[in-house]
Amino acid sequence: MENGQELKLDQARLVLRIKKSLLSMGQLHLHGYSTIFMDGTRKVVRSTELIARGNKRATLYWPLGPNSS
C-alpha cells in the first residue's frame, strides 16, 4: 500500500504456476475500491485515500513502493 501498510484480500486465489501475482480490479471494486488508469499510471483509491499506485510497462501495471516518487 502507499503508506507502507499491507492490504489483506479475503477469498484470494493462488495459482502456483504463475510466477507473478495478479490482482483483480473487479475484486477490488466489489470491496469499495476505485481504480484510475491515466497517462501510463494506475491508482487504487478508497474514498479519498490513495491505497496503491503503479506504472505501466508494456501491457502490465507494476506497483510502486511506498517511497517511490
C-alpha atoms as a PDB file:
ATOM      1  CA  MET A   1       0.000   0.000   0.000  1.00  0.00           C
ATOM      2  CA  GLU A   2       1.014   3.567  -0.457  1.00  0.00           C
ATOM      3  CA  ASN A   3       1.518   4.249   3.247  1.00  0.00           C
ATOM      4  CA  GLY A   4       3.623   1.107   3.813  1.00  0.00           C
ATOM      5  CA  GLN A   5       0.789  -0.932   5.337  1.00  0.00           C
ATOM      6  CA  GLU A   6      -0.466  -4.206   3.921  1.00  0.00           C
ATOM      7  CA  LEU A   7      -3.806  -4.704   2.188  1.00  0.00           C
ATOM      8  CA  LYS A   8      -5.466  -8.001   3.135  1.00  0.00           C
ATOM      9  CA  LEU A   9      -7.583  -9.561   0.428  1.00  0.00           C
ATOM     10  CA  ASP A  10     -10.165 -12.121   1.528  1.00  0.00           C
ATOM     11  CA  GLN A  11     -11.036 -15.046  -0.731  1.00  0.00           C
ATOM     12  CA  ALA A  12      -7.948 -14.528  -2.918  1.00  0.00           C
ATOM     13  CA  ARG A  13      -6.933 -17.291  -5.292  1.00  0.00           C
ATOM     14  CA  LEU A  14      -3.372 -18.510  -5.609  1.00  0.00           C
ATOM     15  CA  VAL A  15      -2.155 -20.155  -8.819  1.00  0.00           C
ATOM     16  CA  LEU A  16       1.184 -21.745  -8.051  1.00  0.00           C
ATOM     17  CA  ARG A  17       2.330 -21.982 -11.684  1.00  0.00           C
ATOM     18  CA  ILE A  18       2.040 -18.225 -12.252  1.00  0.00           C
ATOM     19  CA  LYS A  19       5.367 -16.535 -11.495  1.00  0.00           C
ATOM     20  CA  LYS A  20       3.866 -13.086 -10.797  1.00  0.00           C
ATOM     21  CA  SER A  21       0.999 -12.167  -8.513  1.00  0.00           C
ATOM     22  CA  LEU A  22      -2.032 -10.781 -10.316  1.00  0.00           C
ATOM     23  CA  LEU A  23      -4.610  -8.515  -8.743  1.00  0.00           C
ATOM     24  CA  SER A  24      -8.222  -8.491  -9.901  1.00  0.00           C
ATOM     25  CA  MET A  25      -9.565  -4.971 -10.358  1.00  0.00           C
ATOM     26  CA  GLY A  26     -13.079  -6.439 -10.253  1.00  0.00           C
ATOM     27  CA  GLN A  27     -12.478  -7.884  -6.787  1.00  0.00           C
ATOM     28  CA  LEU A  28     -11.155  -4.541  -5.548  1.00  0.00           C
ATOM     29  CA  HIS A  29     -14.247  -2.778  -6.905  1.00  0.00           C
ATOM     30  CA  LEU A  30     -16.509  -5.267  -5.103  1.00  0.00           C
ATOM     31  CA  HIS A  31     -14.824  -4.228  -1.849  1.00  0.00           C
ATOM     32  CA  GLY A  32     -15.293  -0.494  -2.382  1.00  0.00           C
ATOM     33  CA  TYR A  33     -12.048   0.458  -4.140  1.00  0.00           C
ATOM     34  CA  SER A  34     -11.815   2.514  -7.330  1.00  0.00           C
ATOM     35  CA  THR A  35      -9.091   2.189  -9.935  1.00  0.00           C
ATOM     36  CA  ILE A  36      -7.946   5.078 -12.112  1.00  0.00           C
ATOM     37  CA  PHE A  37      -5.872   4.416 -15.239  1.00  0.00           C
ATOM     38  CA  MET A  38      -4.435   7.578 -16.805  1.00  0.00           C
ATOM     39  CA  ASP A  39      -1.253   8.636 -18.619  1.00  0.00           C
ATOM     40  CA  GLY A  40       0.574   5.346 -18.028  1.00  0.00           C
ATOM     41  CA  THR A  41      -0.194   5.206 -14.299  1.00  0.00           C
ATOM     42  CA  ARG A  42      -2.659   3.285 -12.147  1.00  0.00           C
ATOM     43  CA  LYS A  43      -4.070   4.463  -8.826  1.00  0.00           C
ATOM     44  CA  VAL A  44      -6.243   2.464  -6.435  1.00  0.00           C
ATOM     45  CA  VAL A  45      -8.275   4.653  -4.086  1.00  0.00           C
ATOM     46  CA  ARG A  46     -10.935   4.173  -1.443  1.00  0.00           C
ATOM     47  CA  SER A  47     -12.928   7.283  -0.714  1.00  0.00           C
ATOM     48  CA  THR A  48     -10.191   9.953  -0.778  1.00  0.00           C
ATOM     49  CA  GLU A  49      -7.327   7.705   0.400  1.00  0.00           C
ATOM     50  CA  LEU A  50      -4.661   6.631  -2.098  1.00  0.00           C
ATOM     51  CA  ILE A  51      -4.166   2.908  -1.473  1.00  0.00           C
ATOM     52  CA  ALA A  52      -1.704   1.901  -4.208  1.00  0.00           C
ATOM     53  CA  ARG A  53      -0.219   3.125  -7.460  1.00  0.00           C
ATOM     54  CA  GLY A  54       1.831   1.768 -10.312  1.00  0.00           C
ATOM     55  CA  ASN A  55       3.351   2.489 -13.686  1.00  0.00           C
ATOM     56  CA  LYS A  56       2.643   0.805 -17.000  1.00  0.00           C
ATOM     57  CA  ARG A  57       5.427  -1.307 -18.516  1.00  0.00           C
ATOM     58  CA  ALA A  58       4.499  -2.899 -21.825  1.00  0.00           C
ATOM     59  CA  THR A  59       0.946  -4.159 -21.186  1.00  0.00           C
ATOM     60  CA  LEU A  60       1.064  -4.545 -17.376  1.00  0.00           C
ATOM     61  CA  TYR A  61       0.894  -2.081 -14.491  1.00  0.00           C
ATOM     62  CA  TRP A  62       3.652  -2.671 -11.930  1.00  0.00           C
ATOM     63  CA  PRO A  63       3.296  -1.498  -8.303  1.00  0.00           C
ATOM     64  CA  LEU A  64       5.359   1.316  -6.897  1.00  0.00           C
ATOM     65  CA  GLY A  65       6.765   1.032  -3.399  1.00  0.00           C
ATOM     66  CA  PRO A  66       5.746   3.391  -0.595  1.00  0.00           C
ATOM     67  CA  ASN A  67       8.862   5.556  -1.086  1.00  0.00           C
ATOM     68  CA  SER A  68       8.635   5.868  -4.870  1.00  0.00           C
ATOM     69  CA  SER A  69       8.012   9.231  -6.473  1.00  0.00           C
END
